[in-house]
Amino acid sequence: FQELANYVGALMQGVDDKSRFVSIIWKLLMFYVLASAANFIYSILFTQVVGKSTNRMRIGL
């Protein structure tokens, strides 16, 4: 985030172009999208595992 702040500071002073700033924003966006997808997949798989194990315990009683 410090690097991003440096780019914003340089951009506000007019000494830097936006390409490096946009590149970092895209990387952060891609990280957010991939982390959200991984979290969604994890929750779906965890729900399936918990459902099956609960069903097995109920049948075994």
PDB file of N, CA and C in Angstrom:
ATOM      1  N   PHE A   1       0.820  -1.189   0.000  1.00  0.00           N
ATOM      2  CA  PHE A   1       0.000   0.000   0.000  1.00  0.00           C
ATOM      3  C   PHE A   1       0.866   1.256   0.000  1.00  0.00           C
ATOM      4  N   GLN A   2       2.062   1.149   0.555  1.00  0.00           N
ATOM      5  CA  GLN A   2       2.967   2.294   0.546  1.00  0.00           C
ATOM      6  C   GLN A   2       3.346   2.659  -0.882  1.00  0.00           C
ATOM      7  N   GLU A   3       3.576   1.649  -1.698  1.00  0.00           N
ATOM      8  CA  GLU A   3       3.912   1.900  -3.103  1.00  0.00           C
ATOM      9  C   GLU A   3       2.745   2.575  -3.822  1.00  0.00           C
ATOM     10  N   LEU A   4       1.541   2.145  -3.524  1.00  0.00           N
ATOM     11  CA  LEU A   4       0.360   2.768  -4.118  1.00  0.00           C
ATOM     12  C   LEU A   4       0.243   4.224  -3.684  1.00  0.00           C
ATOM     13  N   ALA A   5       0.522   4.501  -2.414  1.00  0.00           N
ATOM     14  CA  ALA A   5       0.476   5.884  -1.925  1.00  0.00           C
ATOM     15  C   ALA A   5       1.537   6.739  -2.605  1.00  0.00           C
ATOM     16  N   ASN A   6       2.711   6.172  -2.849  1.00  0.00           N
ATOM     17  CA  ASN A   6       3.754   6.918  -3.557  1.00  0.00           C
ATOM     18  C   ASN A   6       3.316   7.256  -4.974  1.00  0.00           C
ATOM     19  N   TYR A   7       2.671   6.324  -5.656  1.00  0.00           N
ATOM     20  CA  TYR A   7       2.201   6.579  -7.020  1.00  0.00           C
ATOM     21  C   TYR A   7       1.122   7.644  -7.043  1.00  0.00           C
ATOM     22  N   VAL A   8       0.226   7.604  -6.057  1.00  0.00           N
ATOM     23  CA  VAL A   8      -0.839   8.610  -6.001  1.00  0.00           C
ATOM     24  C   VAL A   8      -0.236   9.987  -5.744  1.00  0.00           C
ATOM     25  N   GLY A   9       0.742  10.053  -4.846  1.00  0.00           N
ATOM     26  CA  GLY A   9       1.403  11.331  -4.573  1.00  0.00           C
ATOM     27  C   GLY A   9       2.091  11.886  -5.803  1.00  0.00           C
ATOM     28  N   ALA A  10       2.793  11.037  -6.535  1.00  0.00           N
ATOM     29  CA  ALA A  10       3.463  11.480  -7.756  1.00  0.00           C
ATOM     30  C   ALA A  10       2.452  11.863  -8.829  1.00  0.00           C
ATOM     31  N   LEU A  11       1.345  11.155  -8.882  1.00  0.00           N
ATOM     32  CA  LEU A  11       0.306  11.464  -9.866  1.00  0.00           C
ATOM     33  C   LEU A  11      -0.336  12.814  -9.572  1.00  0.00           C
ATOM     34  N   MET A  12      -0.564  13.113  -8.301  1.00  0.00           N
ATOM     35  CA  MET A  12      -1.167  14.393  -7.928  1.00  0.00           C
ATOM     36  C   MET A  12      -0.234  15.567  -8.230  1.00  0.00           C
ATOM     37  N   GLN A  13       1.076  15.325  -8.181  1.00  0.00           N
ATOM     38  CA  GLN A  13       2.035  16.385  -8.490  1.00  0.00           C
ATOM     39  C   GLN A  13       2.263  16.519  -9.984  1.00  0.00           C
ATOM     40  N   GLY A  14       1.759  15.578 -10.752  1.00  0.00           N
ATOM     41  CA  GLY A  14       1.859  15.651 -12.205  1.00  0.00           C
ATOM     42  C   GLY A  14       3.180  15.177 -12.767  1.00  0.00           C
ATOM     43  N   VAL A  15       3.951  14.415 -11.994  1.00  0.00           N
ATOM     44  CA  VAL A  15       5.253  13.961 -12.471  1.00  0.00           C
ATOM     45  C   VAL A  15       5.238  12.501 -12.903  1.00  0.00           C
ATOM     46  N   ASP A  16       4.119  11.856 -12.803  1.00  0.00           N
ATOM     47  CA  ASP A  16       4.047  10.438 -13.140  1.00  0.00           C
ATOM     48  C   ASP A  16       2.818  10.182 -13.998  1.00  0.00           C
ATOM     49  N   ASP A  17       2.896   9.156 -14.830  1.00  0.00           N
ATOM     50  CA  ASP A  17       1.724   8.802 -15.623  1.00  0.00           C
ATOM     51  C   ASP A  17       0.849   7.822 -14.842  1.00  0.00           C
ATOM     52  N   LYS A  18      -0.318   7.559 -15.381  1.00  0.00           N
ATOM     53  CA  LYS A  18      -1.289   6.722 -14.665  1.00  0.00           C
ATOM     54  C   LYS A  18      -1.099   5.235 -14.905  1.00  0.00           C
ATOM     55  N   SER A  19      -0.221   4.838 -15.795  1.00  0.00           N
ATOM     56  CA  SER A  19      -0.126   3.421 -16.154  1.00  0.00           C
ATOM     57  C   SER A  19       0.315   2.555 -14.972  1.00  0.00           C
ATOM     58  N   ARG A  20       1.265   3.016 -14.180  1.00  0.00           N
ATOM     59  CA  ARG A  20       1.707   2.223 -13.031  1.00  0.00           C
ATOM     60  C   ARG A  20       0.618   2.158 -11.970  1.00  0.00           C
ATOM     61  N   PHE A  21      -0.085   3.263 -11.774  1.00  0.00           N
ATOM     62  CA  PHE A  21      -1.184   3.303 -10.808  1.00  0.00           C
ATOM     63  C   PHE A  21      -2.303   2.356 -11.225  1.00  0.00           C
ATOM     64  N   VAL A  22      -2.675   2.394 -12.494  1.00  0.00           N
ATOM     65  CA  VAL A  22      -3.743   1.524 -13.000  1.00  0.00           C
ATOM     66  C   VAL A  22      -3.325   0.061 -12.910  1.00  0.00           C
ATOM     67  N   SER A  23      -2.051  -0.210 -13.138  1.00  0.00           N
ATOM     68  CA  SER A  23      -1.551  -1.582 -13.040  1.00  0.00           C
ATOM     69  C   SER A  23      -1.729  -2.128 -11.620  1.00  0.00           C
ATOM     70  N   ILE A  24      -1.419  -1.332 -10.631  1.00  0.00           N
ATOM     71  CA  ILE A  24      -1.572  -1.782  -9.243  1.00  0.00           C
ATOM     72  C   ILE A  24      -3.039  -1.947  -8.885  1.00  0.00           C
ATOM     73  N   ILE A  25      -3.881  -1.035  -9.353  1.00  0.00           N
ATOM     74  CA  ILE A  25      -5.316  -1.156  -9.081  1.00  0.00           C
ATOM     75  C   ILE A  25      -5.865  -2.445  -9.688  1.00  0.00           C
ATOM     76  N   TRP A  26      -5.441  -2.788 -10.914  1.00  0.00           N
ATOM     77  CA  TRP A  26      -5.896  -4.031 -11.544  1.00  0.00           C
ATOM     78  C   TRP A  26      -5.435  -5.248 -10.757  1.00  0.00           C
ATOM     79  N   LYS A  27      -4.193  -5.203 -10.250  1.00  0.00           N
ATOM     80  CA  LYS A  27      -3.694  -6.327  -9.452  1.00  0.00           C
ATOM     81  C   LYS A  27      -4.505  -6.492  -8.172  1.00  0.00           C
ATOM     82  N   LEU A  28      -4.827  -5.370  -7.521  1.00  0.00           N
ATOM     83  CA  LEU A  28      -5.648  -5.444  -6.314  1.00  0.00           C
ATOM     84  C   LEU A  28      -7.045  -5.966  -6.626  1.00  0.00           C
ATOM     85  N   LEU A  29      -7.607  -5.543  -7.738  1.00  0.00           N
ATOM     86  CA  LEU A  29      -8.930  -6.014  -8.139  1.00  0.00           C
ATOM     87  C   LEU A  29      -8.911  -7.509  -8.442  1.00  0.00           C
ATOM     88  N   MET A  30      -7.886  -7.968  -9.142  1.00  0.00           N
ATOM     89  CA  MET A  30      -7.779  -9.399  -9.452  1.00  0.00           C
ATOM     90  C   MET A  30      -7.618 -10.221  -8.171  1.00  0.00           C
ATOM     91  N   PHE A  31      -6.831  -9.712  -7.223  1.00  0.00           N
ATOM     92  CA  PHE A  31      -6.680 -10.405  -5.948  1.00  0.00           C
ATOM     93  C   PHE A  31      -8.016 -10.505  -5.227  1.00  0.00           C
ATOM     94  N   TYR A  32      -8.785  -9.423  -5.235  1.00  0.00           N
ATOM     95  CA  TYR A  32     -10.090  -9.413  -4.569  1.00  0.00           C
ATOM     96  C   TYR A  32     -11.044 -10.410  -5.225  1.00  0.00           C
ATOM     97  N   VAL A  33     -11.066 -10.429  -6.555  1.00  0.00           N
ATOM     98  CA  VAL A  33     -11.966 -11.337  -7.274  1.00  0.00           C
ATOM     99  C   VAL A  33     -11.579 -12.790  -7.011  1.00  0.00           C
ATOM    100  N   LEU A  34     -10.287 -13.098  -7.088  1.00  0.00           N
ATOM    101  CA  LEU A  34      -9.844 -14.475  -6.863  1.00  0.00           C
ATOM    102  C   LEU A  34     -10.070 -14.906  -5.411  1.00  0.00           C
ATOM    103  N   ALA A  35      -9.834 -14.013  -4.462  1.00  0.00           N
ATOM    104  CA  ALA A  35     -10.073 -14.347  -3.057  1.00  0.00           C
ATOM    105  C   ALA A  35     -11.563 -14.567  -2.803  1.00  0.00           C
ATOM    106  N   SER A  36     -12.407 -13.765  -3.426  1.00  0.00           N
ATOM    107  CA  SER A  36     -13.853 -13.946  -3.267  1.00  0.00           C
ATOM    108  C   SER A  36     -14.311 -15.267  -3.870  1.00  0.00           C
ATOM    109  N   ALA A  37     -13.779 -15.616  -5.038  1.00  0.00           N
ATOM    110  CA  ALA A  37     -14.135 -16.888  -5.667  1.00  0.00           C
ATOM    111  C   ALA A  37     -13.669 -18.063  -4.810  1.00  0.00           C
ATOM    112  N   ALA A  38     -12.464 -17.967  -4.262  1.00  0.00           N
ATOM    113  CA  ALA A  38     -11.957 -19.039  -3.404  1.00  0.00           C
ATOM    114  C   ALA A  38     -12.809 -19.179  -2.147  1.00  0.00           C
ATOM    115  N   ASN A  39     -13.226 -18.068  -1.582  1.00  0.00           N
ATOM    116  CA  ASN A  39     -14.077 -18.109  -0.391  1.00  0.00           C
ATOM    117  C   ASN A  39     -15.435 -18.724  -0.713  1.00  0.00           C
ATOM    118  N   PHE A  40     -15.985 -18.411  -1.865  1.00  0.00           N
ATOM    119  CA  PHE A  40     -17.265 -18.978  -2.278  1.00  0.00           C
ATOM    120  C   PHE A  40     -17.155 -20.490  -2.475  1.00  0.00           C
ATOM    121  N   ILE A  41     -16.111 -20.938  -3.146  1.00  0.00           N
ATOM    122  CA  ILE A  41     -15.904 -22.372  -3.371  1.00  0.00           C
ATOM    123  C   ILE A  41     -15.710 -23.087  -2.033  1.00  0.00           C
ATOM    124  N   TYR A  42     -14.940 -22.479  -1.138  1.00  0.00           N
ATOM    125  CA  TYR A  42     -14.727 -23.071   0.184  1.00  0.00           C
ATOM    126  C   TYR A  42     -16.047 -23.225   0.935  1.00  0.00           C
ATOM    127  N   SER A  43     -16.877 -22.204   0.900  1.00  0.00           N
ATOM    128  CA  SER A  43     -18.138 -22.282   1.644  1.00  0.00           C
ATOM    129  C   SER A  43     -19.057 -23.353   1.072  1.00  0.00           C
ATOM    130  N   ILE A  44     -19.068 -23.506  -0.252  1.00  0.00           N
ATOM    131  CA  ILE A  44     -19.899 -24.554  -0.873  1.00  0.00           C
ATOM    132  C   ILE A  44     -19.398 -25.942  -0.460  1.00  0.00           C
ATOM    133  N   LEU A  45     -18.092 -26.148  -0.533  1.00  0.00           N
ATOM    134  CA  LEU A  45     -17.533 -27.450  -0.164  1.00  0.00           C
ATOM    135  C   LEU A  45     -17.733 -27.739   1.320  1.00  0.00           C
ATOM    136  N   PHE A  46     -17.526 -26.736   2.164  1.00  0.00           N
ATOM    137  CA  PHE A  46     -17.689 -26.931   3.599  1.00  0.00           C
ATOM    138  C   PHE A  46     -19.132 -27.265   3.944  1.00  0.00           C
ATOM    139  N   THR A  47     -20.072 -26.634   3.272  1.00  0.00           N
ATOM    140  CA  THR A  47     -21.486 -26.923   3.505  1.00  0.00           C
ATOM    141  C   THR A  47     -21.806 -28.366   3.144  1.00  0.00           C
ATOM    142  N   GLN A  48     -21.254 -28.848   2.044  1.00  0.00           N
ATOM    143  CA  GLN A  48     -21.488 -30.236   1.640  1.00  0.00           C
ATOM    144  C   GLN A  48     -20.908 -31.215   2.662  1.00  0.00           C
ATOM    145  N   VAL A  49     -19.698 -30.950   3.126  1.00  0.00           N
ATOM    146  CA  VAL A  49     -19.053 -31.853   4.085  1.00  0.00           C
ATOM    147  C   VAL A  49     -19.822 -31.876   5.402  1.00  0.00           C
ATOM    148  N   VAL A  50     -20.219 -30.717   5.894  1.00  0.00           N
ATOM    149  CA  VAL A  50     -20.954 -30.655   7.160  1.00  0.00           C
ATOM    150  C   VAL A  50     -22.305 -31.352   7.023  1.00  0.00           C
ATOM    151  N   GLY A  51     -22.980 -31.157   5.905  1.00  0.00           N
ATOM    152  CA  GLY A  51     -24.275 -31.809   5.695  1.00  0.00           C
ATOM    153  C   GLY A  51     -24.165 -33.316   5.679  1.00  0.00           C
ATOM    154  N   LYS A  52     -23.166 -33.842   4.993  1.00  0.00           N
ATOM    155  CA  LYS A  52     -23.013 -35.297   4.922  1.00  0.00           C
ATOM    156  C   LYS A  52     -22.606 -35.890   6.263  1.00  0.00           C
ATOM    157  N   SER A  53     -21.703 -35.211   6.973  1.00  0.00           N
ATOM    158  CA  SER A  53     -21.273 -35.760   8.263  1.00  0.00           C
ATOM    159  C   SER A  53     -22.403 -35.701   9.289  1.00  0.00           C
ATOM    160  N   THR A  54     -23.207 -34.649   9.253  1.00  0.00           N
ATOM    161  CA  THR A  54     -24.349 -34.567  10.166  1.00  0.00           C
ATOM    162  C   THR A  54     -25.360 -35.660   9.848  1.00  0.00           C
ATOM    163  N   ASN A  55     -25.583 -35.922   8.583  1.00  0.00           N
ATOM    164  CA  ASN A  55     -26.514 -36.969   8.187  1.00  0.00           C
ATOM    165  C   ASN A  55     -26.013 -38.334   8.644  1.00  0.00           C
ATOM    166  N   ARG A  56     -24.715 -38.590   8.518  1.00  0.00           N
ATOM    167  CA  ARG A  56     -24.159 -39.868   8.964  1.00  0.00           C
ATOM    168  C   ARG A  56     -24.296 -40.036  10.470  1.00  0.00           C
ATOM    169  N   MET A  57     -24.064 -38.967  11.215  1.00  0.00           N
ATOM    170  CA  MET A  57     -24.201 -39.058  12.677  1.00  0.00           C
ATOM    171  C   MET A  57     -25.653 -39.325  13.067  1.00  0.00           C
ATOM    172  N   ARG A  58     -26.586 -38.691  12.371  1.00  0.00           N
ATOM    173  CA  ARG A  58     -28.006 -38.877  12.682  1.00  0.00           C
ATOM    174  C   ARG A  58     -28.431 -40.311  12.389  1.00  0.00           C
ATOM    175  N   ILE A  59     -27.954 -40.872  11.277  1.00  0.00           N
ATOM    176  CA  ILE A  59     -28.309 -42.250  10.921  1.00  0.00           C
ATOM    177  C   ILE A  59     -27.699 -43.231  11.919  1.00  0.00           C
ATOM    178  N   GLY A  60     -26.508 -42.926  12.417  1.00  0.00           N
ATOM    179  CA  GLY A  60     -25.823 -43.828  13.347  1.00  0.00           C
ATOM    180  C   GLY A  60     -26.408 -43.846  14.744  1.00  0.00           C
ATOM    181  N   LEU A  61     -27.285 -42.925  15.071  1.00  0.00           N
ATOM    182  CA  LEU A  61     -27.832 -42.897  16.441  1.00  0.00           C
ATOM    183  C   LEU A  61     -28.843 -43.967  16.690  1.00  0.00           C
TER     184      LEU A  61
END
